[in-house]
C-alpha atoms as a PDB file:
ATOM      1  CA  MET A   1       0.000   0.000   0.000  1.00  0.00           C
ATOM      2  CA  ARG A   2       1.343   3.398  -1.014  1.00  0.00           C
ATOM      3  CA  GLY A   3      -1.081   5.720   0.730  1.00  0.00           C
ATOM      4  CA  ILE A   4      -4.615   6.969   1.191  1.00  0.00           C
ATOM      5  CA  LEU A   5      -7.021   8.881  -1.028  1.00  0.00           C
ATOM      6  CA  ALA A   6      -9.835  10.975   0.392  1.00  0.00           C
ATOM      7  CA  ASP A   7     -12.890  10.791  -1.849  1.00  0.00           C
ATOM      8  CA  ASN A   8     -14.684  14.031  -2.808  1.00  0.00           C
ATOM      9  CA  ASP A   9     -17.166  13.667   0.008  1.00  0.00           C
ATOM     10  CA  VAL A  10     -14.635  13.426   2.848  1.00  0.00           C
ATOM     11  CA  GLU A  11     -11.656  15.649   2.020  1.00  0.00           C
ATOM     12  CA  GLY A  12     -12.308  18.008   4.948  1.00  0.00           C
ATOM     13  CA  TYR A  13     -12.930  15.166   7.379  1.00  0.00           C
ATOM     14  CA  VAL A  14      -9.725  13.398   6.375  1.00  0.00           C
ATOM     15  CA  GLY A  15      -7.937  16.724   6.834  1.00  0.00           C
ATOM     16  CA  VAL A  16      -9.034  16.675  10.476  1.00  0.00           C
ATOM     17  CA  LEU A  17      -7.731  13.110  10.846  1.00  0.00           C
ATOM     18  CA  VAL A  18      -4.393  14.080   9.297  1.00  0.00           C
ATOM     19  CA  THR A  19      -4.110  16.970  11.750  1.00  0.00           C
ATOM     20  CA  ILE A  20      -4.579  14.472  14.576  1.00  0.00           C
ATOM     21  CA  TRP A  21      -1.976  12.116  13.072  1.00  0.00           C
ATOM     22  CA  LEU A  22       0.503  14.987  12.897  1.00  0.00           C
ATOM     23  CA  SER A  23       0.012  15.839  16.573  1.00  0.00           C
ATOM     24  CA  ASP A  24       2.707  14.944  19.097  1.00  0.00           C
ATOM     25  CA  THR A  25       0.792  11.816  20.124  1.00  0.00           C
ATOM     26  CA  TRP A  26       0.661  10.188  16.673  1.00  0.00           C
ATOM     27  CA  ARG A  27       3.330  11.913  14.553  1.00  0.00           C
ATOM     28  CA  ASP A  28       6.043   9.261  14.890  1.00  0.00           C
ATOM     29  CA  LEU A  29       3.655   6.428  14.093  1.00  0.00           C
ATOM     30  CA  TRP A  30       2.114   8.275  11.140  1.00  0.00           C
ATOM     31  CA  ASN A  31       5.515   9.245   9.734  1.00  0.00           C
ATOM     32  CA  GLY A  32       6.757   5.692  10.280  1.00  0.00           C
ATOM     33  CA  LEU A  33       4.037   4.371   7.998  1.00  0.00           C
ATOM     34  CA  GLY A  34       5.509   6.415   5.154  1.00  0.00           C
ATOM     35  CA  LEU A  35       2.154   6.792   3.454  1.00  0.00           C
ATOM     36  CA  SER A  36       1.318   9.352   0.796  1.00  0.00           C
ATOM     37  CA  LEU A  37      -1.798  11.483   0.973  1.00  0.00           C
ATOM     38  CA  ALA A  38      -3.191  11.483  -2.531  1.00  0.00           C
ATOM     39  CA  SER A  39      -5.843  13.659  -4.073  1.00  0.00           C
ATOM     40  CA  LEU A  40      -7.942  12.903  -7.099  1.00  0.00           C
ATOM     41  CA  GLY A  41      -5.682  15.231  -9.085  1.00  0.00           C
ATOM     42  CA  THR A  42      -2.439  13.521  -8.056  1.00  0.00           C
ATOM     43  CA  LEU A  43      -3.901  10.248  -9.327  1.00  0.00           C
ATOM     44  CA  ALA A  44      -4.991  11.917 -12.603  1.00  0.00           C
ATOM     45  CA  LEU A  45      -8.672  11.649 -11.697  1.00  0.00           C
ATOM     46  CA  SER A  46     -11.300  14.343 -11.963  1.00  0.00           C
ATOM     47  CA  ARG A  47     -14.020  15.151  -9.442  1.00  0.00           C
ATOM     48  CA  GLU A  48     -16.450  13.755 -12.008  1.00  0.00           C
ATOM     49  CA  SER A  49     -14.721  10.365 -12.213  1.00  0.00           C
ATOM     50  CA  SER A  50     -17.076   7.483 -11.556  1.00  0.00           C
ATOM     51  CA  ASP A  51     -16.808   5.411  -8.393  1.00  0.00           C
ATOM     52  CA  ALA A  52     -15.718   2.510 -10.596  1.00  0.00           C
ATOM     53  CA  VAL A  53     -12.812   4.464 -12.098  1.00  0.00           C
ATOM     54  CA  ILE A  54     -11.718   5.753  -8.674  1.00  0.00           C
ATOM     55  CA  TRP A  55     -11.861   2.281  -7.076  1.00  0.00           C
ATOM     56  CA  ARG A  56      -9.933   0.677  -9.940  1.00  0.00           C
ATOM     57  CA  THR A  57      -7.305   3.419  -9.839  1.00  0.00           C
ATOM     58  CA  CYS A  58      -6.890   2.974  -6.088  1.00  0.00           C
ATOM     59  CA  GLN A  59      -6.417  -0.755  -6.552  1.00  0.00           C
ATOM     60  CA  ARG A  60      -3.927  -0.334  -9.386  1.00  0.00           C
ATOM     61  CA  GLU A  61      -1.935   2.405  -7.609  1.00  0.00           C
ATOM     62  CA  GLN A  62      -2.301   0.798  -4.140  1.00  0.00           C
ATOM     63  CA  PHE A  63      -4.120   3.609  -2.335  1.00  0.00           C
ATOM     64  CA  VAL A  64      -6.766   2.997   0.309  1.00  0.00           C
ATOM     65  CA  LEU A  65      -9.887   4.959  -0.606  1.00  0.00           C
ATOM     66  CA  ILE A  66     -11.559   6.773   2.283  1.00  0.00           C
ATOM     67  CA  THR A  67     -15.167   7.732   1.729  1.00  0.00           C
ATOM     68  CA  ALA A  68     -18.567   8.195   3.308  1.00  0.00           C
ATOM     69  CA  ASN A  69     -20.265   6.702   0.241  1.00  0.00           C
ATOM     70  CA  ARG A  70     -22.526   3.782   1.097  1.00  0.00           C
ATOM     71  CA  ASN A  71     -24.962   3.633  -1.789  1.00  0.00           C
ATOM     72  CA  LYS A  72     -25.553   1.185  -4.590  1.00  0.00           C
ATOM     73  CA  ASP A  73     -27.153   3.545  -7.095  1.00  0.00           C
ATOM     74  CA  GLY A  74     -26.236   1.742 -10.287  1.00  0.00           C
ATOM     75  CA  PRO A  75     -23.593  -0.458 -11.874  1.00  0.00           C
ATOM     76  CA  ASP A  76     -20.805   2.120 -11.404  1.00  0.00           C
ATOM     77  CA  SER A  77     -21.654   2.867  -7.761  1.00  0.00           C
ATOM     78  CA  LEU A  78     -18.943   2.139  -5.244  1.00  0.00           C
ATOM     79  CA  GLU A  79     -20.880  -0.651  -3.549  1.00  0.00           C
ATOM     80  CA  ALA A  80     -21.660  -2.326  -6.878  1.00  0.00           C
ATOM     81  CA  VAL A  81     -18.016  -2.138  -7.941  1.00  0.00           C
ATOM     82  CA  ILE A  82     -16.800  -3.580  -4.650  1.00  0.00           C
ATOM     83  CA  ARG A  83     -19.285  -6.431  -4.858  1.00  0.00           C
ATOM     84  CA  GLY A  84     -18.486  -7.167  -8.489  1.00  0.00           C
ATOM     85  CA  GLU A  85     -14.730  -6.657  -8.659  1.00  0.00           C
ATOM     86  CA  ASN A  86     -13.301  -7.208  -5.183  1.00  0.00           C
ATOM     87  CA  GLN A  87     -10.584  -9.873  -5.071  1.00  0.00           C
ATOM     88  CA  PRO A  88      -8.797 -11.527  -2.130  1.00  0.00           C
ATOM     89  CA  ASP A  89      -5.843  -9.143  -2.570  1.00  0.00           C
ATOM     90  CA  SER A  90      -7.913  -5.965  -3.082  1.00  0.00           C
ATOM     91  CA  LEU A  91      -7.391  -3.093  -0.699  1.00  0.00           C
ATOM     92  CA  PRO A  92     -10.480  -2.304   1.334  1.00  0.00           C
ATOM     93  CA  VAL A  93     -12.438   0.914   1.082  1.00  0.00           C
ATOM     94  CA  VAL A  94     -12.588   2.685   4.432  1.00  0.00           C
ATOM     95  CA  THR A  95     -15.958   4.263   5.099  1.00  0.00           C
ATOM     96  CA  LEU A  96     -16.285   6.922   7.767  1.00  0.00           C
ATOM     97  CA  ALA A  97     -19.302   5.857   9.791  1.00  0.00           C
ATOM     98  CA  ASN A  98     -20.263   9.361  10.936  1.00  0.00           C
ATOM     99  CA  PRO A  99     -18.139  11.968   9.144  1.00  0.00           C
ATOM    100  CA  GLN A 100     -20.072  15.012  10.355  1.00  0.00           C
ATOM    101  CA  ARG A 101     -19.353  14.024  13.933  1.00  0.00           C
ATOM    102  CA  ILE A 102     -15.618  14.222  13.220  1.00  0.00           C
ATOM    103  CA  MET A 103     -16.012  17.992  12.825  1.00  0.00           C
ATOM    104  CA  ARG A 104     -17.976  18.600  16.009  1.00  0.00           C
ATOM    105  CA  ASP A 105     -16.698  15.986  18.482  1.00  0.00           C
ATOM    106  CA  ARG A 106     -12.945  15.980  19.117  1.00  0.00           C
ATOM    107  CA  LEU A 107     -12.990  12.709  21.088  1.00  0.00           C
ATOM    108  CA  TYR A 108     -14.865  10.985  18.271  1.00  0.00           C
ATOM    109  CA  ALA A 109     -12.403  12.405  15.740  1.00  0.00           C
ATOM    110  CA  GLU A 110      -9.491  11.079  17.792  1.00  0.00           C
ATOM    111  CA  LYS A 111     -11.150   7.663  18.097  1.00  0.00           C
ATOM    112  CA  THR A 112     -11.700   7.612  14.323  1.00  0.00           C
ATOM    113  CA  ALA A 113      -8.083   8.618  13.665  1.00  0.00           C
ATOM    114  CA  GLU A 114      -6.827   5.911  16.014  1.00  0.00           C
ATOM    115  CA  ARG A 115      -9.052   3.208  14.540  1.00  0.00           C
ATOM    116  CA  LEU A 116      -8.057   4.143  10.992  1.00  0.00           C
ATOM    117  CA  LEU A 117      -4.359   4.024  11.904  1.00  0.00           C
ATOM    118  CA  GLU A 118      -4.895   0.559  13.415  1.00  0.00           C
ATOM    119  CA  ARG A 119      -6.462  -0.582  10.137  1.00  0.00           C
ATOM    120  CA  LEU A 120      -3.673   0.934   8.051  1.00  0.00           C
ATOM    121  CA  LEU A 121      -1.009  -0.739  10.196  1.00  0.00           C
ATOM    122  CA  ALA A 122      -2.639  -4.128   9.592  1.00  0.00           C
ATOM    123  CA  ILE A 123      -3.884  -3.453   6.056  1.00  0.00           C
ATOM    124  CA  ASP A 124      -2.806  -6.825   4.687  1.00  0.00           C
ATOM    125  CA  ASP A 125      -5.142  -8.500   7.194  1.00  0.00           C
ATOM    126  CA  PHE A 126      -8.046  -6.604   5.608  1.00  0.00           C
ATOM    127  CA  ARG A 127      -7.321  -7.243   1.940  1.00  0.00           C
ATOM    128  CA  GLY A 128     -10.363  -8.681   0.262  1.00  0.00           C
ATOM    129  CA  ALA A 129     -12.724  -7.403   2.980  1.00  0.00           C
ATOM    130  CA  GLY A 130     -14.349  -4.972   0.564  1.00  0.00           C
ATOM    131  CA  ARG A 131     -15.274  -2.280   3.028  1.00  0.00           C
ATOM    132  CA  LEU A 132     -14.238  -1.293   6.548  1.00  0.00           C
ATOM    133  CA  TYR A 133     -16.153   1.132   8.722  1.00  0.00           C
ATOM    134  CA  VAL A 134     -14.437   3.409  11.227  1.00  0.00           C
ATOM    135  CA  PRO A 135     -14.550   4.129  14.039  1.00  0.00           C
END
């Protein structure tokens, strides 16, 4: 795994998590992971890219996609793509269970940051899982 990609719907929320990871408490662990923070642009994707294109790019480039997207609104929806294309070695999609709460509840944000770091540290144990929810 090379890094993480915040989907359109969670860029601000992931920014809060990154701020927590860069705090004195988590900085050494976060830096030790050596992960890149990608954006759609750095992966040559547009904001209009379909969920299918984003998921496939994340798999090919080895980035964990972080999203709040839970729907199955058609064949290119994230859930449909995961169900149809997930393989035993596929990286999971991390879904923020309550992203709005990250902005208003510091303890919840810290719990989410911690849980996500735990998942990233053990990412190979979660390959093929399809989707992980945090916290």
